[in-house]
Amino acid sequence: MNMYVSNLSFHTNDEALKTLFAAFGNVSSAKVITDRESGQSRGFGFVEMDVVAEAQAAMKGLNNKEIEGRAMSVSVAKEKPARSDNKRW
């Protein structure tokens, strides 16, 4: 299950995000999204866990949990819609 995690501290990195979710089960990937130019965290990321029950437990346990002074939000990630115009920027 792929989860969207928002309202992260700008100091949170991939490893810290993975560690938070690993308390609930095996994390297949954890990625904090960064600005292309500055490399600075954009304050959100994605975590993927293979076992749905573990992912649901992580969402329940971590949603609204305060980390570094910010209450993070955890929800099921929505699929990115396919582009119909086939243009690349």
PDB file of N, CA and C in Angstrom:
ATOM      1  N   MET A   1       0.852  -1.173   0.000  1.00  0.00           N
ATOM      2  CA  MET A   1       0.000   0.000   0.000  1.00  0.00           C
ATOM      3  C   MET A   1       0.894   1.230   0.000  1.00  0.00           C
ATOM      4  N   ASN A   2       0.570   2.174  -0.870  1.00  0.00           N
ATOM      5  CA  ASN A   2       1.327   3.413  -0.974  1.00  0.00           C
ATOM      6  C   ASN A   2       0.608   4.500  -0.176  1.00  0.00           C
ATOM      7  N   MET A   3       1.344   5.184   0.700  1.00  0.00           N
ATOM      8  CA  MET A   3       0.756   6.212   1.549  1.00  0.00           C
ATOM      9  C   MET A   3       1.389   7.566   1.283  1.00  0.00           C
ATOM     10  N   TYR A   4       0.561   8.585   1.383  1.00  0.00           N
ATOM     11  CA  TYR A   4       0.988   9.973   1.235  1.00  0.00           C
ATOM     12  C   TYR A   4       1.148  10.546   2.638  1.00  0.00           C
ATOM     13  N   VAL A   5       2.300  11.135   2.902  1.00  0.00           N
ATOM     14  CA  VAL A   5       2.596  11.693   4.224  1.00  0.00           C
ATOM     15  C   VAL A   5       2.870  13.183   4.044  1.00  0.00           C
ATOM     16  N   SER A   6       2.080  14.023   4.693  1.00  0.00           N
ATOM     17  CA  SER A   6       2.256  15.465   4.536  1.00  0.00           C
ATOM     18  C   SER A   6       2.487  16.151   5.878  1.00  0.00           C
ATOM     19  N   ASN A   7       2.828  17.409   5.796  1.00  0.00           N
ATOM     20  CA  ASN A   7       3.136  18.255   6.954  1.00  0.00           C
ATOM     21  C   ASN A   7       4.356  17.740   7.715  1.00  0.00           C
ATOM     22  N   LEU A   8       5.341  17.251   6.944  1.00  0.00           N
ATOM     23  CA  LEU A   8       6.593  16.792   7.547  1.00  0.00           C
ATOM     24  C   LEU A   8       7.484  17.971   7.890  1.00  0.00           C
ATOM     25  N   SER A   9       8.307  17.794   8.890  1.00  0.00           N
ATOM     26  CA  SER A   9       9.333  18.776   9.199  1.00  0.00           C
ATOM     27  C   SER A   9      10.279  18.845   8.010  1.00  0.00           C
ATOM     28  N   PHE A  10      10.806  20.011   7.726  1.00  0.00           N
ATOM     29  CA  PHE A  10      11.722  20.164   6.600  1.00  0.00           C
ATOM     30  C   PHE A  10      13.071  19.502   6.870  1.00  0.00           C
ATOM     31  N   HIS A  11      13.274  19.008   8.102  1.00  0.00           N
ATOM     32  CA  HIS A  11      14.504  18.295   8.447  1.00  0.00           C
ATOM     33  C   HIS A  11      14.367  16.782   8.283  1.00  0.00           C
ATOM     34  N   THR A  12      13.142  16.304   8.043  1.00  0.00           N
ATOM     35  CA  THR A  12      12.911  14.872   7.898  1.00  0.00           C
ATOM     36  C   THR A  12      13.483  14.385   6.564  1.00  0.00           C
ATOM     37  N   ASN A  13      14.284  13.320   6.624  1.00  0.00           N
ATOM     38  CA  ASN A  13      14.853  12.755   5.393  1.00  0.00           C
ATOM     39  C   ASN A  13      14.253  11.364   5.152  1.00  0.00           C
ATOM     40  N   ASP A  14      14.660  10.725   4.052  1.00  0.00           N
ATOM     41  CA  ASP A  14      14.121   9.412   3.689  1.00  0.00           C
ATOM     42  C   ASP A  14      14.303   8.388   4.806  1.00  0.00           C
ATOM     43  N   GLU A  15      15.492   8.353   5.387  1.00  0.00           N
ATOM     44  CA  GLU A  15      15.797   7.354   6.421  1.00  0.00           C
ATOM     45  C   GLU A  15      14.948   7.571   7.671  1.00  0.00           C
ATOM     46  N   ALA A  16      14.766   8.824   8.082  1.00  0.00           N
ATOM     47  CA  ALA A  16      13.945   9.118   9.261  1.00  0.00           C
ATOM     48  C   ALA A  16      12.489   8.726   9.016  1.00  0.00           C
ATOM     49  N   LEU A  17      12.010   8.984   7.809  1.00  0.00           N
ATOM     50  CA  LEU A  17      10.638   8.622   7.457  1.00  0.00           C
ATOM     51  C   LEU A  17      10.469   7.099   7.490  1.00  0.00           C
ATOM     52  N   LYS A  18      11.438   6.398   6.947  1.00  0.00           N
ATOM     53  CA  LYS A  18      11.398   4.935   6.935  1.00  0.00           C
ATOM     54  C   LYS A  18      11.401   4.386   8.359  1.00  0.00           C
ATOM     55  N   THR A  19      12.224   4.953   9.216  1.00  0.00           N
ATOM     56  CA  THR A  19      12.318   4.507  10.601  1.00  0.00           C
ATOM     57  C   THR A  19      10.992   4.685  11.341  1.00  0.00           C
ATOM     58  N   LEU A  20      10.311   5.811  11.106  1.00  0.00           N
ATOM     59  CA  LEU A  20       9.009   6.051  11.747  1.00  0.00           C
ATOM     60  C   LEU A  20       8.012   4.947  11.403  1.00  0.00           C
ATOM     61  N   PHE A  21       7.944   4.593  10.131  1.00  0.00           N
ATOM     62  CA  PHE A  21       6.964   3.610   9.677  1.00  0.00           C
ATOM     63  C   PHE A  21       7.397   2.183   9.964  1.00  0.00           C
ATOM     64  N   ALA A  22       8.687   1.941  10.077  1.00  0.00           N
ATOM     65  CA  ALA A  22       9.200   0.585  10.325  1.00  0.00           C
ATOM     66  C   ALA A  22       8.735   0.029  11.667  1.00  0.00           C
ATOM     67  N   ALA A  23       8.330   0.888  12.579  1.00  0.00           N
ATOM     68  CA  ALA A  23       7.805   0.421  13.865  1.00  0.00           C
ATOM     69  C   ALA A  23       6.507  -0.371  13.674  1.00  0.00           C
ATOM     70  N   PHE A  24       5.872  -0.240  12.503  1.00  0.00           N
ATOM     71  CA  PHE A  24       4.607  -0.909  12.230  1.00  0.00           C
ATOM     72  C   PHE A  24       4.742  -2.095  11.274  1.00  0.00           C
ATOM     73  N   GLY A  25       5.930  -2.274  10.694  1.00  0.00           N
ATOM     74  CA  GLY A  25       6.136  -3.388   9.776  1.00  0.00           C
ATOM     75  C   GLY A  25       7.214  -3.072   8.750  1.00  0.00           C
ATOM     76  N   ASN A  26       7.312  -3.927   7.742  1.00  0.00           N
ATOM     77  CA  ASN A  26       8.334  -3.784   6.711  1.00  0.00           C
ATOM     78  C   ASN A  26       7.993  -2.647   5.744  1.00  0.00           C
ATOM     79  N   VAL A  27       8.922  -1.726   5.596  1.00  0.00           N
ATOM     80  CA  VAL A  27       8.757  -0.595   4.680  1.00  0.00           C
ATOM     81  C   VAL A  27       9.528  -0.904   3.406  1.00  0.00           C
ATOM     82  N   SER A  28       8.819  -0.975   2.262  1.00  0.00           N
ATOM     83  CA  SER A  28       9.516  -1.252   1.005  1.00  0.00           C
ATOM     84  C   SER A  28      10.177  -0.006   0.438  1.00  0.00           C
ATOM     85  N   SER A  29       9.598   1.169   0.684  1.00  0.00           N
ATOM     86  CA  SER A  29      10.244   2.402   0.253  1.00  0.00           C
ATOM     87  C   SER A  29       9.707   3.587   1.046  1.00  0.00           C
ATOM     88  N   ALA A  30      10.566   4.582   1.215  1.00  0.00           N
ATOM     89  CA  ALA A  30      10.188   5.826   1.889  1.00  0.00           C
ATOM     90  C   ALA A  30      10.939   6.946   1.187  1.00  0.00           C
ATOM     91  N   LYS A  31      10.202   7.937   0.701  1.00  0.00           N
ATOM     92  CA  LYS A  31      10.818   9.004  -0.077  1.00  0.00           C
ATOM     93  C   LYS A  31      10.230  10.346   0.311  1.00  0.00           C
ATOM     94  N   VAL A  32      11.102  11.262   0.772  1.00  0.00           N
ATOM     95  CA  VAL A  32      10.705  12.646   1.026  1.00  0.00           C
ATOM     96  C   VAL A  32      10.917  13.397  -0.282  1.00  0.00           C
ATOM     97  N   ILE A  33       9.906  14.125  -0.720  1.00  0.00           N
ATOM     98  CA  ILE A  33       9.994  14.863  -1.978  1.00  0.00           C
ATOM     99  C   ILE A  33      10.754  16.174  -1.744  1.00  0.00           C
ATOM    100  N   THR A  34      11.718  16.436  -2.622  1.00  0.00           N
ATOM    101  CA  THR A  34      12.552  17.631  -2.486  1.00  0.00           C
ATOM    102  C   THR A  34      12.408  18.542  -3.692  1.00  0.00           C
ATOM    103  N   ASP A  35      12.729  19.803  -3.489  1.00  0.00           N
ATOM    104  CA  ASP A  35      12.730  20.785  -4.564  1.00  0.00           C
ATOM    105  C   ASP A  35      13.854  20.461  -5.535  1.00  0.00           C
ATOM    106  N   ARG A  36      13.584  20.508  -6.827  1.00  0.00           N
ATOM    107  CA  ARG A  36      14.590  20.154  -7.834  1.00  0.00           C
ATOM    108  C   ARG A  36      15.809  21.060  -7.795  1.00  0.00           C
ATOM    109  N   GLU A  37      15.589  22.334  -7.578  1.00  0.00           N
ATOM    110  CA  GLU A  37      16.697  23.293  -7.635  1.00  0.00           C
ATOM    111  C   GLU A  37      17.487  23.377  -6.338  1.00  0.00           C
ATOM    112  N   SER A  38      16.787  23.469  -5.213  1.00  0.00           N
ATOM    113  CA  SER A  38      17.482  23.685  -3.938  1.00  0.00           C
ATOM    114  C   SER A  38      17.808  22.392  -3.196  1.00  0.00           C
ATOM    115  N   GLY A  39      17.080  21.313  -3.486  1.00  0.00           N
ATOM    116  CA  GLY A  39      17.270  20.066  -2.753  1.00  0.00           C
ATOM    117  C   GLY A  39      16.577  20.072  -1.403  1.00  0.00           C
ATOM    118  N   GLN A  40      15.909  21.159  -1.063  1.00  0.00           N
ATOM    119  CA  GLN A  40      15.196  21.320   0.209  1.00  0.00           C
ATOM    120  C   GLN A  40      13.918  20.477   0.209  1.00  0.00           C
ATOM    121  N   SER A  41      13.603  19.878   1.341  1.00  0.00           N
ATOM    122  CA  SER A  41      12.370  19.115   1.475  1.00  0.00           C
ATOM    123  C   SER A  41      11.173  20.008   1.170  1.00  0.00           C
ATOM    124  N   ARG A  42      10.180  19.418   0.520  1.00  0.00           N
ATOM    125  CA  ARG A  42       8.942  20.155   0.239  1.00  0.00           C
ATOM    126  C   ARG A  42       7.887  19.879   1.313  1.00  0.00           C
ATOM    127  N   GLY A  43       8.242  19.091   2.344  1.00  0.00           N
ATOM    128  CA  GLY A  43       7.349  18.871   3.473  1.00  0.00           C
ATOM    129  C   GLY A  43       6.368  17.725   3.305  1.00  0.00           C
ATOM    130  N   PHE A  44       6.569  16.901   2.258  1.00  0.00           N
ATOM    131  CA  PHE A  44       5.708  15.734   2.093  1.00  0.00           C
ATOM    132  C   PHE A  44       6.500  14.607   1.450  1.00  0.00           C
ATOM    133  N   GLY A  45       5.919  13.413   1.500  1.00  0.00           N
ATOM    134  CA  GLY A  45       6.600  12.266   0.923  1.00  0.00           C
ATOM    135  C   GLY A  45       5.655  11.090   0.766  1.00  0.00           C
ATOM    136  N   PHE A  46       6.243   9.950   0.400  1.00  0.00           N
ATOM    137  CA  PHE A  46       5.474   8.738   0.166  1.00  0.00           C
ATOM    138  C   PHE A  46       6.162   7.563   0.851  1.00  0.00           C
ATOM    139  N   VAL A  47       5.351   6.688   1.423  1.00  0.00           N
ATOM    140  CA  VAL A  47       5.866   5.477   2.066  1.00  0.00           C
ATOM    141  C   VAL A  47       5.076   4.310   1.507  1.00  0.00           C
ATOM    142  N   GLU A  48       5.795   3.243   1.164  1.00  0.00           N
ATOM    143  CA  GLU A  48       5.127   2.046   0.650  1.00  0.00           C
ATOM    144  C   GLU A  48       5.416   0.874   1.565  1.00  0.00           C
ATOM    145  N   MET A  49       4.331   0.167   1.920  1.00  0.00           N
ATOM    146  CA  MET A  49       4.429  -1.036   2.742  1.00  0.00           C
ATOM    147  C   MET A  49       3.660  -2.136   2.019  1.00  0.00           C
ATOM    148  N   ASP A  50       4.240  -3.345   1.960  1.00  0.00           N
ATOM    149  CA  ASP A  50       3.633  -4.448   1.211  1.00  0.00           C
ATOM    150  C   ASP A  50       2.419  -5.067   1.907  1.00  0.00           C
ATOM    151  N   VAL A  51       2.424  -5.087   3.219  1.00  0.00           N
ATOM    152  CA  VAL A  51       1.337  -5.722   3.972  1.00  0.00           C
ATOM    153  C   VAL A  51       0.298  -4.655   4.331  1.00  0.00           C
ATOM    154  N   VAL A  52      -0.906  -4.815   3.785  1.00  0.00           N
ATOM    155  CA  VAL A  52      -1.964  -3.818   3.962  1.00  0.00           C
ATOM    156  C   VAL A  52      -2.290  -3.594   5.437  1.00  0.00           C
ATOM    157  N   ALA A  53      -2.363  -4.649   6.228  1.00  0.00           N
ATOM    158  CA  ALA A  53      -2.692  -4.511   7.658  1.00  0.00           C
ATOM    159  C   ALA A  53      -1.635  -3.672   8.385  1.00  0.00           C
ATOM    160  N   GLU A  54      -0.363  -3.862   8.021  1.00  0.00           N
ATOM    161  CA  GLU A  54       0.710  -3.070   8.632  1.00  0.00           C
ATOM    162  C   GLU A  54       0.600  -1.609   8.209  1.00  0.00           C
ATOM    163  N   ALA A  55       0.287  -1.373   6.946  1.00  0.00           N
ATOM    164  CA  ALA A  55       0.137   0.000   6.446  1.00  0.00           C
ATOM    165  C   ALA A  55      -1.037   0.690   7.142  1.00  0.00           C
ATOM    166  N   GLN A  56      -2.143  -0.036   7.316  1.00  0.00           N
ATOM    167  CA  GLN A  56      -3.305   0.540   7.997  1.00  0.00           C
ATOM    168  C   GLN A  56      -2.981   0.867   9.451  1.00  0.00           C
ATOM    169  N   ALA A  57      -2.213  -0.004  10.102  1.00  0.00           N
ATOM    170  CA  ALA A  57      -1.805   0.250  11.488  1.00  0.00           C
ATOM    171  C   ALA A  57      -0.903   1.480  11.547  1.00  0.00           C
ATOM    172  N   ALA A  58      -0.015   1.623  10.570  1.00  0.00           N
ATOM    173  CA  ALA A  58       0.876   2.782  10.525  1.00  0.00           C
ATOM    174  C   ALA A  58       0.078   4.066  10.311  1.00  0.00           C
ATOM    175  N   MET A  59      -0.901   4.020   9.413  1.00  0.00           N
ATOM    176  CA  MET A  59      -1.743   5.207   9.186  1.00  0.00           C
ATOM    177  C   MET A  59      -2.479   5.607  10.460  1.00  0.00           C
ATOM    178  N   LYS A  60      -3.035   4.616  11.136  1.00  0.00           N
ATOM    179  CA  LYS A  60      -3.780   4.890  12.365  1.00  0.00           C
ATOM    180  C   LYS A  60      -2.849   5.419  13.464  1.00  0.00           C
ATOM    181  N   GLY A  61      -1.677   4.812  13.580  1.00  0.00           N
ATOM    182  CA  GLY A  61      -0.756   5.189  14.644  1.00  0.00           C
ATOM    183  C   GLY A  61       0.006   6.487  14.405  1.00  0.00           C
ATOM    184  N   LEU A  62       0.202   6.846  13.132  1.00  0.00           N
ATOM    185  CA  LEU A  62       1.030   8.021  12.845  1.00  0.00           C
ATOM    186  C   LEU A  62       0.261   9.240  12.369  1.00  0.00           C
ATOM    187  N   ASN A  63      -0.985   9.075  11.929  1.00  0.00           N
ATOM    188  CA  ASN A  63      -1.769  10.222  11.479  1.00  0.00           C
ATOM    189  C   ASN A  63      -1.975  11.194  12.640  1.00  0.00           C
ATOM    190  N   ASN A  64      -1.666  12.439  12.418  1.00  0.00           N
ATOM    191  CA  ASN A  64      -1.749  13.524  13.418  1.00  0.00           C
ATOM    192  C   ASN A  64      -0.709  13.419  14.524  1.00  0.00           C
ATOM    193  N   LYS A  65       0.273  12.533  14.371  1.00  0.00           N
ATOM    194  CA  LYS A  65       1.345  12.428  15.359  1.00  0.00           C
ATOM    195  C   LYS A  65       2.296  13.604  15.159  1.00  0.00           C
ATOM    196  N   GLU A  66       2.662  14.232  16.271  1.00  0.00           N
ATOM    197  CA  GLU A  66       3.549  15.382  16.199  1.00  0.00           C
ATOM    198  C   GLU A  66       5.006  14.927  16.130  1.00  0.00           C
ATOM    199  N   ILE A  67       5.683  15.337  15.067  1.00  0.00           N
ATOM    200  CA  ILE A  67       7.096  15.052  14.856  1.00  0.00           C
ATOM    201  C   ILE A  67       7.796  16.382  14.615  1.00  0.00           C
ATOM    202  N   GLU A  68       8.764  16.701  15.447  1.00  0.00           N
ATOM    203  CA  GLU A  68       9.508  17.953  15.348  1.00  0.00           C
ATOM    204  C   GLU A  68       8.575  19.163  15.284  1.00  0.00           C
ATOM    205  N   GLY A  69       7.538  19.141  16.121  1.00  0.00           N
ATOM    206  CA  GLY A  69       6.642  20.290  16.234  1.00  0.00           C
ATOM    207  C   GLY A  69       5.568  20.386  15.161  1.00  0.00           C
ATOM    208  N   ARG A  70       5.450  19.375  14.314  1.00  0.00           N
ATOM    209  CA  ARG A  70       4.437  19.403  13.247  1.00  0.00           C
ATOM    210  C   ARG A  70       3.609  18.120  13.300  1.00  0.00           C
ATOM    211  N   ALA A  71       2.287  18.268  13.231  1.00  0.00           N
ATOM    212  CA  ALA A  71       1.390  17.107  13.233  1.00  0.00           C
ATOM    213  C   ALA A  71       1.280  16.592  11.802  1.00  0.00           C
ATOM    214  N   MET A  72       1.934  15.458  11.538  1.00  0.00           N
ATOM    215  CA  MET A  72       1.909  14.945  10.171  1.00  0.00           C
ATOM    216  C   MET A  72       0.583  14.281   9.857  1.00  0.00           C
ATOM    217  N   SER A  73       0.272  14.248   8.579  1.00  0.00           N
ATOM    218  CA  SER A  73      -0.955  13.646   8.093  1.00  0.00           C
ATOM    219  C   SER A  73      -0.576  12.458   7.215  1.00  0.00           C
ATOM    220  N   VAL A  74      -1.247  11.321   7.430  1.00  0.00           N
ATOM    221  CA  VAL A  74      -0.957  10.105   6.665  1.00  0.00           C
ATOM    222  C   VAL A  74      -2.260   9.596   6.058  1.00  0.00           C
ATOM    223  N   SER A  75      -2.250   9.366   4.744  1.00  0.00           N
ATOM    224  CA  SER A  75      -3.433   8.859   4.054  1.00  0.00           C
ATOM    225  C   SER A  75      -2.999   7.958   2.901  1.00  0.00           C
ATOM    226  N   VAL A  76      -3.955   7.257   2.318  1.00  0.00           N
ATOM    227  CA  VAL A  76      -3.668   6.420   1.157  1.00  0.00           C
ATOM    228  C   VAL A  76      -3.341   7.355  -0.004  1.00  0.00           C
ATOM    229  N   ALA A  77      -2.244   7.068  -0.698  1.00  0.00           N
ATOM    230  CA  ALA A  77      -1.840   7.895  -1.831  1.00  0.00           C
ATOM    231  C   ALA A  77      -2.773   7.654  -3.008  1.00  0.00           C
ATOM    232  N   LYS A  78      -3.102   8.731  -3.693  1.00  0.00           N
ATOM    233  CA  LYS A  78      -3.923   8.619  -4.893  1.00  0.00           C
ATOM    234  C   LYS A  78      -3.004   8.380  -6.083  1.00  0.00           C
ATOM    235  N   GLU A  79      -3.475   7.593  -7.024  1.00  0.00           N
ATOM    236  CA  GLU A  79      -2.696   7.333  -8.236  1.00  0.00           C
ATOM    237  C   GLU A  79      -2.595   8.617  -9.053  1.00  0.00           C
ATOM    238  N   LYS A  80      -1.413   8.846  -9.603  1.00  0.00           N
ATOM    239  CA  LYS A  80      -1.220  10.006 -10.456  1.00  0.00           C
ATOM    240  C   LYS A  80      -1.959   9.765 -11.769  1.00  0.00           C
ATOM    241  N   PRO A  81      -2.812  10.718 -12.192  1.00  0.00           N
ATOM    242  CA  PRO A  81      -3.557  10.494 -13.428  1.00  0.00           C
ATOM    243  C   PRO A  81      -2.622  10.443 -14.643  1.00  0.00           C
ATOM    244  N   ALA A  82      -2.950   9.596 -15.590  1.00  0.00           N
ATOM    245  CA  ALA A  82      -2.149   9.486 -16.807  1.00  0.00           C
ATOM    246  C   ALA A  82      -2.328  10.741 -17.645  1.00  0.00           C
ATOM    247  N   ARG A  83      -1.247  11.176 -18.255  1.00  0.00           N
ATOM    248  CA  ARG A  83      -1.312  12.346 -19.126  1.00  0.00           C
ATOM    249  C   ARG A  83      -1.870  11.911 -20.474  1.00  0.00           C
ATOM    250  N   SER A  84      -2.815  12.673 -20.973  1.00  0.00           N
ATOM    251  CA  SER A  84      -3.439  12.294 -22.241  1.00  0.00           C
ATOM    252  C   SER A  84      -2.803  12.987 -23.441  1.00  0.00           C
ATOM    253  N   ASP A  85      -2.031  14.033 -23.200  1.00  0.00           N
ATOM    254  CA  ASP A  85      -1.471  14.793 -24.322  1.00  0.00           C
ATOM    255  C   ASP A  85      -0.094  14.322 -24.765  1.00  0.00           C
ATOM    256  N   ASN A  86       0.501  13.395 -24.016  1.00  0.00           N
ATOM    257  CA  ASN A  86       1.816  12.845 -24.327  1.00  0.00           C
ATOM    258  C   ASN A  86       2.944  13.886 -24.432  1.00  0.00           C
ATOM    259  N   LYS A  87       2.720  15.057 -23.863  1.00  0.00           N
ATOM    260  CA  LYS A  87       3.757  16.090 -23.891  1.00  0.00           C
ATOM    261  C   LYS A  87       4.661  15.929 -22.690  1.00  0.00           C
ATOM    262  N   ARG A  88       5.908  16.230 -22.885  1.00  0.00           N
ATOM    263  CA  ARG A  88       6.871  16.230 -21.787  1.00  0.00           C
ATOM    264  C   ARG A  88       7.451  17.620 -21.667  1.00  0.00           C
ATOM    265  N   TRP A  89       7.531  18.114 -20.476  1.00  0.00           N
ATOM    266  CA  TRP A  89       8.047  19.473 -20.264  1.00  0.00           C
ATOM    267  C   TRP A  89       9.459  19.425 -19.907  1.00  0.00           C
TER     268      TRP A  89
END
